[in-house]
Amino acid sequence: MIVREILCGSRRFNDIRRGIPRVSRTVLSERLQALVFVGAIARTDGPHGPEYDLTEAGQELAILVSALGTWGQRWLAREPAKEDLDLEPLLVDMQRRSPLYGPARRSPSWCGSRFAGHRRRFMLLRKTEASLCHQNPGFPEPVCVRGPLAALIAWWRGDMSFLEAQRMGLEIDGPKAFTRAFPKWFDLYPFAHIGPAGRKTG
């Protein structure tokens, strides 16, 4: 999981931890040290503290990470409604897979989320970046995502279509033009196109 996070662009300790929210700081620190020791990652002093990057040996692990992701997507049964789901890693993944940067590219816009059992989060979408925040300091908030977290996750990882997720209770509130375009604001989970074994895709 650490290698996956670095492959996805995380470089600093806290960024890596955001993508693996259930790992303790102690365990993550130990795993990073172990990966540095075996030569899979390199630790350098960045402008805001230590940063981690994959070495040539670590880059080869990308092949294994991809193979494991493909295998899991194809063969592991998933029932989002019965799983213990985390909102934070999902939003982190959506943030880094948002190439269009939102509905109003000329000015900052905020996409809010409301899911039972989770504190409200905001995603700032503007022309040059997508950022996750705990508060909105006053920018327009044209879109709000709400409903069962299981529905959003099932759509994100390719278990169901966006329409099926809406039938499950996922709601995108806002102007019609934005709500229709919302699924296209993001590139889905990298393995979302891989269907489970025994089911034809296409």
Protein backbone atom coordinates (compact mmCIF):
# COMPACT_ATOMS: atom_id res chain seq x y z
CA MET A 1 0.00 0.00 0.00
CA ILE A 2 2.91 2.35 0.69
CA VAL A 3 4.35 1.66 -2.74
CA ARG A 4 0.91 2.23 -4.27
CA GLU A 5 0.61 5.62 -2.58
CA ILE A 6 4.04 6.73 -3.77
CA LEU A 7 3.23 5.51 -7.27
CA CYS A 8 0.08 7.66 -7.14
CA GLY A 9 2.11 10.76 -6.31
CA SER A 10 2.27 10.90 -2.50
CA ARG A 11 5.74 11.92 -1.32
CA ARG A 12 5.44 13.08 2.28
CA PHE A 13 4.60 11.06 5.39
CA ASN A 14 1.19 12.63 6.02
CA ASP A 15 0.17 12.36 2.36
CA ILE A 16 1.02 8.66 2.34
CA ARG A 17 -0.89 8.15 5.58
CA ARG A 18 -4.00 9.89 4.20
CA GLY A 19 -4.22 7.14 1.58
CA ILE A 20 -3.85 4.43 4.25
CA PRO A 21 -5.93 5.94 7.08
CA ARG A 22 -5.97 2.88 9.37
CA VAL A 23 -2.21 2.55 9.62
CA SER A 24 -0.69 4.01 12.78
CA ARG A 25 2.07 6.57 12.57
CA THR A 26 4.44 4.13 14.27
CA VAL A 27 3.74 1.27 11.88
CA LEU A 28 3.98 3.53 8.82
CA SER A 29 7.28 4.95 10.04
CA GLU A 30 8.65 1.43 10.59
CA ARG A 31 7.52 0.27 7.13
CA LEU A 32 9.05 3.30 5.45
CA GLN A 33 12.34 2.70 7.25
CA ALA A 34 12.28 -0.95 6.18
CA LEU A 35 11.68 0.02 2.54
CA VAL A 36 14.54 2.51 2.71
CA PHE A 37 16.78 -0.15 4.26
CA VAL A 38 16.15 -2.67 1.46
CA GLY A 39 16.64 0.01 -1.19
CA ALA A 40 13.07 0.17 -2.52
CA ILE A 41 12.56 3.83 -1.63
CA ALA A 42 14.85 6.79 -1.03
CA ARG A 43 14.37 9.39 1.71
CA THR A 44 15.40 12.97 0.95
CA ASP A 45 15.03 16.31 2.71
CA GLY A 46 12.41 18.35 0.86
CA PRO A 47 11.44 22.00 1.38
CA HIS A 48 8.68 20.98 3.82
CA GLY A 49 10.34 18.00 5.48
CA PRO A 50 11.33 14.45 4.55
CA GLU A 51 10.11 13.11 1.21
CA TYR A 52 10.06 9.58 -0.16
CA ASP A 53 10.45 8.39 -3.71
CA LEU A 54 10.82 5.02 -5.38
CA THR A 55 14.27 3.89 -6.41
CA GLU A 56 14.85 1.86 -9.56
CA ALA A 57 14.24 -1.26 -7.48
CA GLY A 58 11.07 0.26 -6.08
CA GLN A 59 9.80 1.14 -9.54
CA GLU A 60 9.88 -2.54 -10.44
CA LEU A 61 7.39 -3.14 -7.63
CA ALA A 62 4.84 -1.26 -9.76
CA ILE A 63 4.49 -4.44 -11.81
CA LEU A 64 3.58 -6.43 -8.69
CA VAL A 65 1.21 -3.72 -7.40
CA SER A 66 -0.60 -3.67 -10.74
CA ALA A 67 -0.84 -7.46 -10.84
CA LEU A 68 -2.25 -7.60 -7.31
CA GLY A 69 -4.76 -4.84 -8.10
CA THR A 70 -5.89 -6.64 -11.25
CA TRP A 71 -6.22 -9.96 -9.45
CA GLY A 72 -8.18 -8.46 -6.57
CA GLN A 73 -10.54 -6.60 -8.87
CA ARG A 74 -11.23 -9.76 -10.86
CA TRP A 75 -11.44 -12.39 -8.16
CA LEU A 76 -12.29 -10.88 -4.75
CA ALA A 77 -16.01 -10.62 -4.01
CA ARG A 78 -17.10 -7.14 -2.92
CA GLU A 79 -20.29 -6.05 -1.17
CA PRO A 80 -19.92 -2.32 -0.42
CA ALA A 81 -23.11 -2.14 1.65
CA LYS A 82 -21.67 -4.69 4.11
CA GLU A 83 -18.10 -3.37 4.26
CA ASP A 84 -16.45 -1.11 6.82
CA LEU A 85 -15.93 1.84 4.48
CA ASP A 86 -13.59 4.84 4.72
CA LEU A 87 -14.41 8.19 3.14
CA GLU A 88 -10.94 9.75 3.41
CA PRO A 89 -8.96 7.44 1.07
CA LEU A 90 -11.79 7.61 -1.46
CA LEU A 91 -11.67 11.42 -1.54
CA VAL A 92 -7.86 11.36 -1.73
CA ASP A 93 -8.11 9.10 -4.78
CA MET A 94 -10.81 11.27 -6.38
CA GLN A 95 -8.71 14.39 -5.77
CA ARG A 96 -5.66 13.03 -7.56
CA ARG A 97 -7.74 11.64 -10.43
CA SER A 98 -9.56 14.89 -11.24
CA PRO A 99 -7.94 16.13 -14.47
CA LEU A 100 -10.75 18.57 -15.36
CA TYR A 101 -10.68 20.44 -12.06
CA GLY A 102 -14.34 20.96 -11.71
CA PRO A 103 -17.34 22.80 -13.08
CA ALA A 104 -16.22 26.43 -12.99
CA ARG A 105 -12.64 26.46 -14.23
CA ARG A 106 -12.45 30.26 -14.31
CA SER A 107 -12.97 30.63 -10.57
CA PRO A 108 -12.68 28.38 -7.48
CA SER A 109 -15.63 26.08 -6.85
CA TRP A 110 -16.29 23.72 -3.98
CA CYS A 111 -17.81 20.27 -4.08
CA GLY A 112 -19.16 19.31 -0.66
CA SER A 113 -19.93 15.84 0.68
CA ARG A 114 -22.41 14.67 3.29
CA PHE A 115 -22.30 11.01 4.34
CA ALA A 116 -23.78 9.59 7.52
CA GLY A 117 -21.16 8.88 10.16
CA HIS A 118 -18.50 11.05 8.47
CA ARG A 119 -17.69 14.70 8.99
CA ARG A 120 -18.34 16.95 6.06
CA ARG A 121 -15.50 17.37 3.57
CA PHE A 122 -14.93 19.78 0.71
CA MET A 123 -13.03 19.47 -2.54
CA LEU A 124 -11.76 22.70 -4.04
CA LEU A 125 -11.87 22.46 -7.82
CA ARG A 126 -10.14 25.14 -9.84
CA LYS A 127 -8.26 25.45 -13.09
CA THR A 128 -4.87 24.41 -11.75
CA GLU A 129 -5.62 22.06 -8.88
CA ALA A 130 -7.99 19.93 -6.87
CA SER A 131 -7.59 20.11 -3.07
CA LEU A 132 -9.30 18.49 -0.08
CA CYS A 133 -10.33 20.71 2.83
CA HIS A 134 -12.20 20.44 6.11
CA GLN A 135 -13.83 23.87 5.72
CA ASN A 136 -15.09 26.14 2.98
CA PRO A 137 -13.92 29.71 3.65
CA GLY A 138 -16.72 31.18 1.55
CA PHE A 139 -16.34 30.13 -2.06
CA PRO A 140 -19.38 29.11 -4.13
CA GLU A 141 -20.42 25.50 -3.51
CA PRO A 142 -22.37 24.49 -6.62
CA VAL A 143 -22.36 20.74 -5.98
CA CYS A 144 -23.01 18.53 -2.95
CA VAL A 145 -22.57 14.75 -2.96
CA ARG A 146 -24.71 12.82 -0.49
CA GLY A 147 -26.27 9.42 0.12
CA PRO A 148 -24.86 5.99 1.03
CA LEU A 149 -21.06 6.01 0.96
CA ALA A 150 -21.27 2.43 -0.32
CA ALA A 151 -22.91 3.67 -3.52
CA LEU A 152 -20.17 6.21 -4.26
CA ILE A 153 -17.45 3.65 -3.59
CA ALA A 154 -19.14 0.98 -5.70
CA TRP A 155 -19.28 3.39 -8.66
CA TRP A 156 -15.72 4.57 -8.11
CA ARG A 157 -14.19 1.10 -8.20
CA GLY A 158 -16.32 -0.13 -11.09
CA ASP A 159 -18.74 -2.39 -9.24
CA MET A 160 -21.73 -0.58 -10.74
CA SER A 161 -22.58 2.17 -13.20
CA PHE A 162 -23.26 5.72 -12.06
CA LEU A 163 -26.95 5.21 -12.79
CA GLU A 164 -26.98 2.10 -10.60
CA ALA A 165 -25.26 4.06 -7.82
CA GLN A 166 -28.00 6.70 -8.08
CA ARG A 167 -30.63 3.99 -7.80
CA MET A 168 -28.82 2.84 -4.65
CA GLY A 169 -29.31 6.33 -3.20
CA LEU A 170 -26.33 8.41 -4.36
CA GLU A 171 -27.37 12.03 -4.93
CA ILE A 172 -25.53 14.87 -6.66
CA ASP A 173 -27.25 18.14 -5.73
CA GLY A 174 -26.71 21.25 -7.82
CA PRO A 175 -27.46 22.78 -11.22
CA LYS A 176 -28.51 20.19 -13.77
CA ALA A 177 -25.53 20.87 -16.03
CA PHE A 178 -23.15 20.13 -13.16
CA THR A 179 -24.96 17.06 -11.86
CA ARG A 180 -24.97 15.52 -15.34
CA ALA A 181 -21.27 16.29 -15.85
CA PHE A 182 -20.12 15.14 -12.40
CA PRO A 183 -19.14 11.56 -13.42
CA LYS A 184 -16.85 13.01 -16.12
CA TRP A 185 -14.93 15.24 -13.71
CA PHE A 186 -12.85 12.28 -12.57
CA ASP A 187 -10.89 9.40 -14.01
CA LEU A 188 -12.17 6.38 -12.11
CA TYR A 189 -10.11 4.03 -9.96
CA PRO A 190 -7.33 2.60 -12.17
CA PHE A 191 -8.75 -0.94 -12.05
CA ALA A 192 -12.42 0.03 -12.43
CA HIS A 193 -12.48 -1.25 -16.02
CA ILE A 194 -11.68 -4.79 -14.88
CA GLY A 195 -14.83 -6.79 -14.35
CA PRO A 196 -15.19 -9.71 -11.94
CA ALA A 197 -14.35 -13.18 -13.25
CA GLY A 198 -17.25 -14.76 -15.06
CA ARG A 199 -18.87 -11.46 -16.06
CA LYS A 200 -18.44 -10.08 -19.53
CA THR A 201 -17.51 -6.42 -19.77
CA GLY A 202 -17.81 -3.93 -22.57
